C-alpha atoms as a PDB file:
ATOM      1  CA  MET A   1      80.471  98.846  60.428  1.00  0.00           C
ATOM      2  CA  LYS A   2      82.719  97.209  62.998  1.00  0.00           C
ATOM      3  CA  HIS A   3      81.219  93.747  62.433  1.00  0.00           C
ATOM      4  CA  ILE A   4      81.701  94.165  58.671  1.00  0.00           C
ATOM      5  CA  ASN A   5      85.410  94.886  59.197  1.00  0.00           C
ATOM      6  CA  ILE A   6      85.648  91.808  61.396  1.00  0.00           C
ATOM      7  CA  TYR A   7      84.046  89.676  58.690  1.00  0.00           C
ATOM      8  CA  HIS A   8      86.483  91.139  56.155  1.00  0.00           C
ATOM      9  CA  LYS A   9      89.400  90.096  58.349  1.00  0.00           C
ATOM     10  CA  ILE A  10      87.973  86.628  58.896  1.00  0.00           C
ATOM     11  CA  ALA A  11      87.348  86.279  55.166  1.00  0.00           C
ATOM     12  CA  ALA A  12      90.982  87.236  54.508  1.00  0.00           C
ATOM     13  CA  LEU A  13      92.183  84.691  57.048  1.00  0.00           C
ATOM     14  CA  LEU A  14      89.869  82.083  55.559  1.00  0.00           C
ATOM     15  CA  SER A  15      91.304  82.828  52.115  1.00  0.00           C
ATOM     16  CA  ILE A  16      94.741  81.975  53.510  1.00  0.00           C
ATOM     17  CA  ILE A  17      93.298  78.727  54.865  1.00  0.00           C
ATOM     18  CA  ILE A  18      91.788  77.881  51.486  1.00  0.00           C
ATOM     19  CA  LEU A  19      95.143  78.544  49.821  1.00  0.00           C
ATOM     20  CA  SER A  20      96.703  76.134  52.285  1.00  0.00           C
ATOM     21  CA  PHE A  21      93.985  73.641  51.320  1.00  0.00           C
ATOM     22  CA  GLN A  22      95.096  74.024  47.717  1.00  0.00           C
ATOM     23  CA  SER A  23      98.557  72.878  48.734  1.00  0.00           C
ATOM     24  CA  ASN A  24      96.904  69.633  49.909  1.00  0.00           C
ATOM     25  CA  ALA A  25      98.554  69.757  53.316  1.00  0.00           C
ATOM     26  CA  GLN A  26      96.285  70.917  56.079  1.00  0.00           C
ATOM     27  CA  GLN A  27      98.014  70.878  59.468  1.00  0.00           C
ATOM     28  CA  ASP A  28      96.518  69.255  62.560  1.00  0.00           C
ATOM     29  CA  ALA A  29      95.820  71.342  65.633  1.00  0.00           C
ATOM     30  CA  GLN A  30      98.968  72.014  67.661  1.00  0.00           C
ATOM     31  CA  PHE A  31      99.670  72.187  71.390  1.00  0.00           C
ATOM     32  CA  THR A  32     102.692  73.545  73.240  1.00  0.00           C
ATOM     33  CA  GLN A  33     102.112  71.254  76.233  1.00  0.00           C
ATOM     34  CA  TYR A  34     101.983  68.153  74.034  1.00  0.00           C
ATOM     35  CA  MET A  35     103.643  66.011  76.732  1.00  0.00           C
ATOM     36  CA  TYR A  36     100.424  66.237  78.771  1.00  0.00           C
ATOM     37  CA  ASN A  37      98.185  65.516  75.792  1.00  0.00           C
ATOM     38  CA  MET A  38     100.005  62.455  74.519  1.00  0.00           C
ATOM     39  CA  SER A  39      97.047  60.117  74.021  1.00  0.00           C
ATOM     40  CA  VAL A  40      95.551  62.526  71.467  1.00  0.00           C
ATOM     41  CA  ILE A  41      98.521  62.081  69.112  1.00  0.00           C
ATOM     42  CA  ASN A  42      99.524  58.487  69.967  1.00  0.00           C
ATOM     43  CA  PRO A  43      96.992  55.694  70.625  1.00  0.00           C
ATOM     44  CA  ALA A  44      99.798  53.532  72.047  1.00  0.00           C
ATOM     45  CA  TYR A  45     100.409  55.947  74.936  1.00  0.00           C
ATOM     46  CA  ALA A  46     100.430  53.921  78.161  1.00  0.00           C
ATOM     47  CA  THR A  47     100.882  54.616  81.875  1.00  0.00           C
ATOM     48  CA  ALA A  48     101.131  51.061  83.286  1.00  0.00           C
ATOM     49  CA  GLU A  49      99.282  52.234  86.419  1.00  0.00           C
ATOM     50  CA  GLU A  50      96.363  49.886  86.959  1.00  0.00           C
ATOM     51  CA  GLY A  51      93.333  51.305  88.693  1.00  0.00           C
ATOM     52  CA  ILE A  52      94.126  54.918  87.772  1.00  0.00           C
ATOM     53  CA  LEU A  53      91.848  56.857  85.418  1.00  0.00           C
ATOM     54  CA  ASN A  54      93.644  59.811  83.815  1.00  0.00           C
ATOM     55  CA  LEU A  55      91.435  62.748  82.812  1.00  0.00           C
ATOM     56  CA  GLY A  56      92.722  65.836  81.062  1.00  0.00           C
ATOM     57  CA  GLY A  57      91.657  68.926  79.172  1.00  0.00           C
ATOM     58  CA  LEU A  58      93.594  71.569  77.227  1.00  0.00           C
ATOM     59  CA  TYR A  59      92.430  74.833  75.700  1.00  0.00           C
ATOM     60  CA  ARG A  60      94.491  76.970  73.322  1.00  0.00           C
ATOM     61  CA  THR A  61      93.756  80.395  71.879  1.00  0.00           C
ATOM     62  CA  GLN A  62      96.231  81.166  69.135  1.00  0.00           C
ATOM     63  CA  TRP A  63      97.505  84.500  67.799  1.00  0.00           C
ATOM     64  CA  VAL A  64      95.532  86.660  70.231  1.00  0.00           C
ATOM     65  CA  GLY A  65      94.522  89.963  68.637  1.00  0.00           C
ATOM     66  CA  LEU A  66      94.191  88.521  65.137  1.00  0.00           C
ATOM     67  CA  GLU A  67      90.524  88.359  64.133  1.00  0.00           C
ATOM     68  CA  GLY A  68      89.379  84.825  63.349  1.00  0.00           C
ATOM     69  CA  ALA A  69      92.502  83.164  64.779  1.00  0.00           C
ATOM     70  CA  PRO A  70      92.228  79.459  65.744  1.00  0.00           C
ATOM     71  CA  LYS A  71      90.908  78.297  69.110  1.00  0.00           C
ATOM     72  CA  THR A  72      91.444  74.663  70.040  1.00  0.00           C
ATOM     73  CA  GLY A  73      90.129  72.508  72.865  1.00  0.00           C
ATOM     74  CA  SER A  74      90.947  68.922  73.742  1.00  0.00           C
ATOM     75  CA  PHE A  75      89.731  66.374  76.292  1.00  0.00           C
ATOM     76  CA  PHE A  76      90.939  62.849  76.997  1.00  0.00           C
ATOM     77  CA  ALA A  77      90.306  59.965  79.391  1.00  0.00           C
ATOM     78  CA  HIS A  78      92.704  57.042  79.683  1.00  0.00           C
ATOM     79  CA  THR A  79      93.026  54.006  81.955  1.00  0.00           C
ATOM     80  CA  PRO A  80      94.688  50.569  82.052  1.00  0.00           C
ATOM     81  CA  ILE A  81      92.232  47.675  81.981  1.00  0.00           C
ATOM     82  CA  ASN A  82      94.878  45.212  83.156  1.00  0.00           C
ATOM     83  CA  ASP A  83      98.664  44.893  82.946  1.00  0.00           C
ATOM     84  CA  LYS A  84      98.527  44.441  79.144  1.00  0.00           C
ATOM     85  CA  ILE A  85      95.544  46.414  77.867  1.00  0.00           C
ATOM     86  CA  GLU A  86      94.928  50.164  78.148  1.00  0.00           C
ATOM     87  CA  MET A  87      92.014  52.093  76.631  1.00  0.00           C
ATOM     88  CA  GLY A  88      90.896  55.678  76.282  1.00  0.00           C
ATOM     89  CA  ILE A  89      88.841  58.265  74.450  1.00  0.00           C
ATOM     90  CA  SER A  90      89.786  61.693  73.127  1.00  0.00           C
ATOM     91  CA  PHE A  91      87.939  64.673  71.705  1.00  0.00           C
ATOM     92  CA  THR A  92      89.457  67.677  69.913  1.00  0.00           C
ATOM     93  CA  ASN A  93      87.690  70.792  68.640  1.00  0.00           C
ATOM     94  CA  ASP A  94      89.429  73.237  66.294  1.00  0.00           C
ATOM     95  CA  ASN A  95      87.581  76.471  65.537  1.00  0.00           C
ATOM     96  CA  ILE A  96      88.664  79.262  63.187  1.00  0.00           C
ATOM     97  CA  GLY A  97      86.732  82.511  63.525  1.00  0.00           C
ATOM     98  CA  ASP A  98      83.431  80.686  64.198  1.00  0.00           C
ATOM     99  CA  VAL A  99      83.553  79.956  60.470  1.00  0.00           C
ATOM    100  CA  VAL A 100      85.481  76.703  60.180  1.00  0.00           C
ATOM    101  CA  ASN A 101      84.779  74.109  62.866  1.00  0.00           C
ATOM    102  CA  GLU A 102      86.386  70.651  63.074  1.00  0.00           C
ATOM    103  CA  ASN A 103      85.657  67.996  65.703  1.00  0.00           C
ATOM    104  CA  ASN A 104      87.575  64.754  66.161  1.00  0.00           C
ATOM    105  CA  LEU A 105      86.244  61.971  68.387  1.00  0.00           C
ATOM    106  CA  PHE A 106      88.370  58.846  68.863  1.00  0.00           C
ATOM    107  CA  ALA A 107      88.545  55.675  70.966  1.00  0.00           C
ATOM    108  CA  ASP A 108      92.009  54.232  71.691  1.00  0.00           C
ATOM    109  CA  PHE A 109      93.242  50.701  72.357  1.00  0.00           C
ATOM    110  CA  ALA A 110      96.818  49.889  73.427  1.00  0.00           C
ATOM    111  CA  TYR A 111      98.479  46.523  74.053  1.00  0.00           C
ATOM    112  CA  VAL A 112     101.481  46.634  76.410  1.00  0.00           C
ATOM    113  CA  LEU A 113     104.386  44.160  76.374  1.00  0.00           C
ATOM    114  CA  PRO A 114     107.382  43.987  78.735  1.00  0.00           C
ATOM    115  CA  VAL A 115     110.713  44.088  76.883  1.00  0.00           C
ATOM    116  CA  GLY A 116     113.030  44.211  79.876  1.00  0.00           C
ATOM    117  CA  ILE A 117     113.108  44.420  83.645  1.00  0.00           C
ATOM    118  CA  GLU A 118     112.021  48.073  83.688  1.00  0.00           C
ATOM    119  CA  SER A 119     111.013  48.794  80.078  1.00  0.00           C
ATOM    120  CA  LYS A 120     107.821  48.200  78.138  1.00  0.00           C
ATOM    121  CA  ILE A 121     106.548  48.761  74.623  1.00  0.00           C
ATOM    122  CA  SER A 122     102.947  49.280  73.606  1.00  0.00           C
ATOM    123  CA  PHE A 123     101.208  49.164  70.241  1.00  0.00           C
ATOM    124  CA  GLY A 124      97.999  51.073  69.740  1.00  0.00           C
ATOM    125  CA  ILE A 125      95.180  51.788  67.356  1.00  0.00           C
ATOM    126  CA  LYS A 126      92.553  54.524  67.412  1.00  0.00           C
ATOM    127  CA  ALA A 127      89.297  54.727  65.488  1.00  0.00           C
ATOM    128  CA  GLY A 128      86.777  57.507  65.262  1.00  0.00           C
ATOM    129  CA  VAL A 129      85.179  60.221  63.201  1.00  0.00           C
ATOM    130  CA  THR A 130      86.095  63.709  61.990  1.00  0.00           C
ATOM    131  CA  LEU A 131      83.256  66.243  61.659  1.00  0.00           C
ATOM    132  CA  PHE A 132      83.975  69.274  59.468  1.00  0.00           C
ATOM    133  CA  ASP A 133      81.612  72.267  59.201  1.00  0.00           C
ATOM    134  CA  THR A 134      81.697  75.797  57.822  1.00  0.00           C
ATOM    135  CA  ASN A 135      79.394  78.724  58.578  1.00  0.00           C
ATOM    136  CA  PHE A 136      79.484  81.614  56.110  1.00  0.00           C
ATOM    137  CA  ASN A 137      76.224  83.161  57.332  1.00  0.00           C
ATOM    138  CA  GLY A 138      76.585  86.905  57.836  1.00  0.00           C
ATOM    139  CA  PHE A 139      79.744  87.206  55.753  1.00  0.00           C
ATOM    140  CA  GLN A 140      80.220  90.610  54.137  1.00  0.00           C
ATOM    141  CA  LEU A 141      82.656  90.530  51.236  1.00  0.00           C
ATOM    142  CA  GLN A 142      83.810  93.323  48.951  1.00  0.00           C
ATOM    143  CA  SER A 143      81.400  91.947  46.364  1.00  0.00           C
ATOM    144  CA  GLY A 144      78.548  91.946  48.892  1.00  0.00           C
ATOM    145  CA  GLY A 145      77.067  89.104  50.945  1.00  0.00           C
ATOM    146  CA  ALA A 146      78.378  85.540  50.995  1.00  0.00           C
ATOM    147  CA  SER A 147      75.991  84.581  48.188  1.00  0.00           C
ATOM    148  CA  THR A 148      77.903  86.858  45.781  1.00  0.00           C
ATOM    149  CA  ASP A 149      80.979  84.609  45.864  1.00  0.00           C
ATOM    150  CA  GLN A 150      80.742  80.934  44.935  1.00  0.00           C
ATOM    151  CA  ALA A 151      83.505  80.099  47.416  1.00  0.00           C
ATOM    152  CA  PHE A 152      81.266  81.174  50.320  1.00  0.00           C
ATOM    153  CA  ASP A 153      77.677  80.842  49.090  1.00  0.00           C
ATOM    154  CA  GLU A 154      77.054  77.410  50.614  1.00  0.00           C
ATOM    155  CA  ASN A 155      77.907  76.032  54.039  1.00  0.00           C
ATOM    156  CA  ILE A 156      79.711  72.706  54.232  1.00  0.00           C
ATOM    157  CA  SER A 157      78.991  69.867  56.659  1.00  0.00           C
ATOM    158  CA  ARG A 158      80.910  66.600  56.276  1.00  0.00           C
ATOM    159  CA  ALA A 159      81.755  63.535  58.395  1.00  0.00           C
ATOM    160  CA  PHE A 160      84.751  61.283  57.766  1.00  0.00           C
ATOM    161  CA  PRO A 161      85.787  58.028  59.452  1.00  0.00           C
ATOM    162  CA  ASN A 162      89.398  57.852  60.531  1.00  0.00           C
ATOM    163  CA  LEU A 163      91.998  55.456  61.926  1.00  0.00           C
ATOM    164  CA  GLY A 164      95.320  55.939  63.701  1.00  0.00           C
ATOM    165  CA  ILE A 165      98.216  53.738  64.793  1.00  0.00           C
ATOM    166  CA  GLY A 166     101.189  54.151  67.094  1.00  0.00           C
ATOM    167  CA  ALA A 167     103.988  52.586  69.120  1.00  0.00           C
ATOM    168  CA  PHE A 168     105.255  53.749  72.521  1.00  0.00           C
ATOM    169  CA  PHE A 169     108.425  52.558  74.282  1.00  0.00           C
ATOM    170  CA  PHE A 170     108.807  53.665  77.898  1.00  0.00           C
ATOM    171  CA  THR A 171     110.418  53.205  81.292  1.00  0.00           C
ATOM    172  CA  ASP A 172     110.144  55.265  84.482  1.00  0.00           C
ATOM    173  CA  THR A 173     112.771  57.688  83.174  1.00  0.00           C
ATOM    174  CA  TYR A 174     112.362  57.991  79.411  1.00  0.00           C
ATOM    175  CA  TYR A 175     109.970  57.388  76.537  1.00  0.00           C
ATOM    176  CA  LEU A 176     109.936  57.321  72.733  1.00  0.00           C
ATOM    177  CA  GLY A 177     106.818  57.296  70.595  1.00  0.00           C
ATOM    178  CA  LEU A 178     106.000  57.038  66.886  1.00  0.00           C
ATOM    179  CA  SER A 179     102.465  57.527  65.599  1.00  0.00           C
ATOM    180  CA  ALA A 180     100.131  58.496  62.783  1.00  0.00           C
ATOM    181  CA  PRO A 181      96.852  59.506  64.485  1.00  0.00           C
ATOM    182  CA  ASN A 182      94.953  60.154  61.224  1.00  0.00           C
ATOM    183  CA  MET A 183      95.756  57.479  58.665  1.00  0.00           C
ATOM    184  CA  LEU A 184      92.935  58.152  56.201  1.00  0.00           C
ATOM    185  CA  SER A 185      93.304  61.116  53.848  1.00  0.00           C
ATOM    186  CA  THR A 186      90.063  63.097  53.740  1.00  0.00           C
ATOM    187  CA  LYS A 187      88.829  65.841  51.431  1.00  0.00           C
ATOM    188  CA  HIS A 188      87.338  68.791  53.324  1.00  0.00           C
ATOM    189  CA  LEU A 189      86.546  71.093  50.395  1.00  0.00           C
ATOM    190  CA  GLU A 190      85.676  69.485  47.108  1.00  0.00           C
ATOM    191  CA  ASN A 191      85.402  70.750  43.545  1.00  0.00           C
ATOM    192  CA  GLU A 192      81.843  72.056  43.602  1.00  0.00           C
ATOM    193  CA  ASN A 193      80.032  75.030  42.069  1.00  0.00           C
ATOM    194  CA  GLY A 194      82.997  75.780  39.864  1.00  0.00           C
ATOM    195  CA  ILE A 195      85.364  76.137  42.827  1.00  0.00           C
ATOM    196  CA  LYS A 196      88.603  74.276  42.222  1.00  0.00           C
ATOM    197  CA  ALA A 197      90.043  74.547  45.735  1.00  0.00           C
ATOM    198  CA  THR A 198      90.418  71.249  47.555  1.00  0.00           C
ATOM    199  CA  GLY A 199      91.561  70.484  51.051  1.00  0.00           C
ATOM    200  CA  VAL A 200      93.066  67.088  51.763  1.00  0.00           C
ATOM    201  CA  GLN A 201      94.118  66.180  55.275  1.00  0.00           C
ATOM    202  CA  ASN A 202      97.157  64.045  54.597  1.00  0.00           C
ATOM    203  CA  VAL A 203      98.678  61.591  57.045  1.00  0.00           C
ATOM    204  CA  HIS A 204     100.614  63.290  59.854  1.00  0.00           C
ATOM    205  CA  TYR A 205     103.539  61.428  61.442  1.00  0.00           C
ATOM    206  CA  PHE A 206     104.635  62.200  65.014  1.00  0.00           C
ATOM    207  CA  LEU A 207     107.906  61.280  66.701  1.00  0.00           C
ATOM    208  CA  THR A 208     108.068  62.113  70.421  1.00  0.00           C
ATOM    209  CA  GLY A 209     110.592  61.510  73.148  1.00  0.00           C
ATOM    210  CA  GLY A 210     111.692  62.615  76.585  1.00  0.00           C
ATOM    211  CA  TYR A 211     114.115  61.809  79.394  1.00  0.00           C
ATOM    212  CA  VAL A 212     114.078  62.531  83.126  1.00  0.00           C
ATOM    213  CA  PHE A 213     117.349  63.519  84.825  1.00  0.00           C
ATOM    214  CA  ASP A 214     117.601  63.562  88.626  1.00  0.00           C
ATOM    215  CA  ILE A 215     119.541  66.747  89.380  1.00  0.00           C
ATOM    216  CA  ASP A 216     119.158  66.164  93.117  1.00  0.00           C
ATOM    217  CA  GLN A 217     116.537  64.831  95.515  1.00  0.00           C
ATOM    218  CA  ASN A 218     114.171  67.760  94.908  1.00  0.00           C
ATOM    219  CA  VAL A 219     114.916  68.797  91.322  1.00  0.00           C
ATOM    220  CA  LYS A 220     114.347  66.871  88.098  1.00  0.00           C
ATOM    221  CA  LEU A 221     115.035  67.967  84.533  1.00  0.00           C
ATOM    222  CA  LYS A 222     113.101  66.600  81.562  1.00  0.00           C
ATOM    223  CA  PRO A 223     114.069  67.603  78.042  1.00  0.00           C
ATOM    224  CA  ALA A 224     111.506  66.498  75.461  1.00  0.00           C
ATOM    225  CA  PHE A 225     110.774  66.863  71.768  1.00  0.00           C
ATOM    226  CA  MET A 226     108.001  66.347  69.242  1.00  0.00           C
ATOM    227  CA  ALA A 227     108.637  66.192  65.503  1.00  0.00           C
ATOM    228  CA  ARG A 228     105.688  66.287  63.100  1.00  0.00           C
ATOM    229  CA  GLY A 229     105.829  65.601  59.383  1.00  0.00           C
ATOM    230  CA  VAL A 230     103.213  65.736  56.642  1.00  0.00           C
ATOM    231  CA  LYS A 231     103.509  65.680  52.870  1.00  0.00           C
ATOM    232  CA  GLY A 232     103.597  69.140  51.332  1.00  0.00           C
ATOM    233  CA  ALA A 233     104.514  71.028  54.528  1.00  0.00           C
ATOM    234  CA  PRO A 234     107.823  71.764  56.279  1.00  0.00           C
ATOM    235  CA  LEU A 235     108.888  69.658  59.247  1.00  0.00           C
ATOM    236  CA  ALA A 236     107.483  70.957  62.537  1.00  0.00           C
ATOM    237  CA  LEU A 237     109.770  70.486  65.541  1.00  0.00           C
ATOM    238  CA  ASP A 238     109.054  71.337  69.193  1.00  0.00           C
ATOM    239  CA  ILE A 239     111.832  71.199  71.792  1.00  0.00           C
ATOM    240  CA  THR A 240     111.138  71.772  75.480  1.00  0.00           C
ATOM    241  CA  ALA A 241     113.033  71.585  78.756  1.00  0.00           C
ATOM    242  CA  ASN A 242     110.993  71.364  81.968  1.00  0.00           C
ATOM    243  CA  VAL A 243     112.234  71.464  85.561  1.00  0.00           C
ATOM    244  CA  LEU A 244     110.216  69.799  88.320  1.00  0.00           C
ATOM    245  CA  ILE A 245     110.816  71.248  91.794  1.00  0.00           C
ATOM    246  CA  ASN A 246     109.768  69.473  95.013  1.00  0.00           C
ATOM    247  CA  GLU A 247     107.341  67.289  93.069  1.00  0.00           C
ATOM    248  CA  LYS A 248     104.927  70.239  92.802  1.00  0.00           C
ATOM    249  CA  LEU A 249     106.098  73.190  90.708  1.00  0.00           C
ATOM    250  CA  GLU A 250     107.173  72.680  87.112  1.00  0.00           C
ATOM    251  CA  VAL A 251     108.585  75.401  84.844  1.00  0.00           C
ATOM    252  CA  GLY A 252     110.033  75.192  81.369  1.00  0.00           C
ATOM    253  CA  LEU A 253     111.002  76.797  78.091  1.00  0.00           C
ATOM    254  CA  GLY A 254     110.242  75.651  74.574  1.00  0.00           C
ATOM    255  CA  TYR A 255     111.057  76.413  70.958  1.00  0.00           C
ATOM    256  CA  ARG A 256     109.009  75.580  67.867  1.00  0.00           C
ATOM    257  CA  LEU A 257     111.172  75.608  64.752  1.00  0.00           C
ATOM    258  CA  ASP A 258     110.673  78.767  62.671  1.00  0.00           C
ATOM    259  CA  ASP A 259     107.488  79.598  64.558  1.00  0.00           C
ATOM    260  CA  ALA A 260     107.553  80.454  68.274  1.00  0.00           C
ATOM    261  CA  MET A 261     109.289  80.504  71.635  1.00  0.00           C
ATOM    262  CA  SER A 262     107.377  79.316  74.691  1.00  0.00           C
ATOM    263  CA  ALA A 263     107.278  79.578  78.476  1.00  0.00           C
ATOM    264  CA  LEU A 264     105.509  76.848  80.460  1.00  0.00           C
ATOM    265  CA  VAL A 265     104.481  76.500  84.086  1.00  0.00           C
ATOM    266  CA  ASN A 266     102.257  74.092  85.999  1.00  0.00           C
ATOM    267  CA  PHE A 267     101.514  73.298  89.610  1.00  0.00           C
ATOM    268  CA  ARG A 268     100.357  70.167  91.371  1.00  0.00           C
ATOM    269  CA  ILE A 269      97.607  71.446  93.648  1.00  0.00           C
ATOM    270  CA  THR A 270      96.912  68.018  95.160  1.00  0.00           C
ATOM    271  CA  PRO A 271      98.425  64.576  94.463  1.00  0.00           C
ATOM    272  CA  GLU A 272      95.606  64.040  91.971  1.00  0.00           C
ATOM    273  CA  LEU A 273      95.202  67.497  90.418  1.00  0.00           C
ATOM    274  CA  ARG A 274      97.601  69.472  88.212  1.00  0.00           C
ATOM    275  CA  VAL A 275      96.960  72.744  86.357  1.00  0.00           C
ATOM    276  CA  GLY A 276      99.242  74.487  83.876  1.00  0.00           C
ATOM    277  CA  TYR A 277      99.712  77.417  81.513  1.00  0.00           C
ATOM    278  CA  ALA A 278     101.893  78.112  78.479  1.00  0.00           C
ATOM    279  CA  TYR A 279     102.566  81.252  76.461  1.00  0.00           C
ATOM    280  CA  ASP A 280     103.901  81.289  72.886  1.00  0.00           C
ATOM    281  CA  TYR A 281     105.689  84.320  71.446  1.00  0.00           C
ATOM    282  CA  THR A 282     105.447  84.279  67.656  1.00  0.00           C
ATOM    283  CA  THR A 283     108.879  84.693  66.029  1.00  0.00           C
ATOM    284  CA  THR A 284     107.669  84.993  62.425  1.00  0.00           C
ATOM    285  CA  ASN A 285     106.334  88.105  60.661  1.00  0.00           C
ATOM    286  CA  LEU A 286     102.888  87.089  61.894  1.00  0.00           C
ATOM    287  CA  GLY A 287     104.051  88.254  65.320  1.00  0.00           C
ATOM    288  CA  ASP A 288     103.557  91.863  64.162  1.00  0.00           C
ATOM    289  CA  PHE A 289      99.798  91.245  64.097  1.00  0.00           C
ATOM    290  CA  ASN A 290      99.180  89.330  67.337  1.00  0.00           C
ATOM    291  CA  SER A 291     100.228  89.328  70.983  1.00  0.00           C
ATOM    292  CA  GLY A 292     101.046  85.624  71.175  1.00  0.00           C
ATOM    293  CA  SER A 293      99.201  82.404  71.991  1.00  0.00           C
ATOM    294  CA  HIS A 294      97.880  81.159  75.337  1.00  0.00           C
ATOM    295  CA  GLU A 295      97.275  77.598  76.476  1.00  0.00           C
ATOM    296  CA  ILE A 296      95.913  76.137  79.713  1.00  0.00           C
ATOM    297  CA  PHE A 297      95.460  72.565  80.887  1.00  0.00           C
ATOM    298  CA  ILE A 298      94.044  70.622  83.794  1.00  0.00           C
ATOM    299  CA  LEU A 299      94.885  67.005  84.649  1.00  0.00           C
ATOM    300  CA  PHE A 300      93.047  64.878  87.169  1.00  0.00           C
ATOM    301  CA  ASP A 301      93.842  61.319  88.241  1.00  0.00           C
ATOM    302  CA  VAL A 302      91.091  59.160  89.742  1.00  0.00           C
ATOM    303  CA  ASP A 303      91.950  56.183  91.927  1.00  0.00           C
ATOM    304  CA  LEU A 304      89.160  53.876  90.800  1.00  0.00           C
ATOM    305  CA  PHE A 305      89.586  51.249  93.494  1.00  0.00           C
ATOM    306  CA  GLY A 306      91.193  53.159  96.342  1.00  0.00           C
ATOM    307  CA  PHE A 307      94.436  51.206  96.093  1.00  0.00           C
ATOM    308  CA  LYS A 308      96.646  54.300  96.331  1.00  0.00           C
ATOM    309  CA  SER A 309      96.653  57.381  98.520  1.00  0.00           C
ATOM    310  CA  GLY A 310      97.417  59.937  95.797  1.00  0.00           C
ATOM    311  CA  TYR A 311      98.941  59.267  92.426  1.00  0.00           C
ATOM    312  CA  ASP A 312     102.477  60.439  91.744  1.00  0.00           C
ATOM    313  CA  ARG A 313     103.968  60.056  88.292  1.00  0.00           C
ATOM    314  CA  SER A 314     107.416  61.223  89.332  1.00  0.00           C
ATOM    315  CA  PRO A 315     109.995  60.683  88.011  1.00  0.00           C
ATOM    316  CA  ARG A 316     108.182  60.219  84.671  1.00  0.00           C
ATOM    317  CA  PHE A 317     105.779  63.180  85.017  1.00  0.00           C
ATOM    318  CA  PHE A 318     104.595  62.789  81.411  1.00  0.00           C
END
C-alpha cells in the first residue's frame, strides 16, 4: 500500500506540473550556486585563460521530504581555443518523481573582444537538443491504473532542437551577462486523446552580475545576482553575497525572491579542485511539507599544456 500512496502523491504533484503547463510558462531548472554554473545559462561566458579546461558538475535535490520532488544534475566543460574563441559543452538533467525526465545537451561558442585595457566582452551562441520523456507505468490513481485516465494512459517521448544566445562583459573584478539559453519555444504536452493541457517552454531571459571587493589581503567579498524572466511567470531574482577567505574557504548567504533563503560554502582542496554545498530553506507555504533543498558541486581545472602550476581565479572566483 505504501507504493500506492507514493504514486498518489507523485500524481498530485504531476497534476500541479500539468496545471503550470496550462499557463504556458514552464520554468527552467534552477541552481542556487549559479555563479559556478554560468556556461549553462550563458553561452557567452568566458574565462580568458588559454590552456585551461574548466570541468564542473552540480547536483540538486529540491524540497526534500516531498514525494516526487525535482532532482537536477548538470555537467559542463569549457575552454578557450585562443585569445578570441572559447568553446564548451553542457548537459542538464531534470527529473520529477521518475515520471517526468528532461535532458538538455548543448554545445557553446563564444567570441571574445577587448573593449579596454582590462575589460572584455564576449558574444555567444549555443545549439543543441532537448529530450522530454514521461513514464506513467505503475501509476495508481483513484480511478485505478494509469490507463483509466487519458492524461496518463500513454507515455510521451519527444526531442526538440534548441538555440541560445548571450553576451558577457567582464574584467578581473566584475562581470555582467545577458542571455536567453533556450530561444525556441517548444510544446512538451500536446492536445492529444482529448486532453487539452499543453506545455510550452517559453524563452527565458537571464541577467547576471557580480563584483569582487578586496576587504584586505586575505578576504574578498563578492555580491552577485541573477534575474530570470519568462512570459506568464513572476520575475525570479537571486541575490547572494560570498566571502572568500585566504583563497581557499568561501562562505555566503543568498535570497531567492518569494521563495527561499540559502547558505553556501565551498572549499578549494587543491589549486585545481573546488567542492561546494548549498542549502535552501523554503520560505513559502510549501516549506511546511519539505525540509529544504540541497545542492553540491565540484569544479576541476585542467592545465592542458602545463603552462601554469595551479590555476587561481582570484580575484574573480566566478
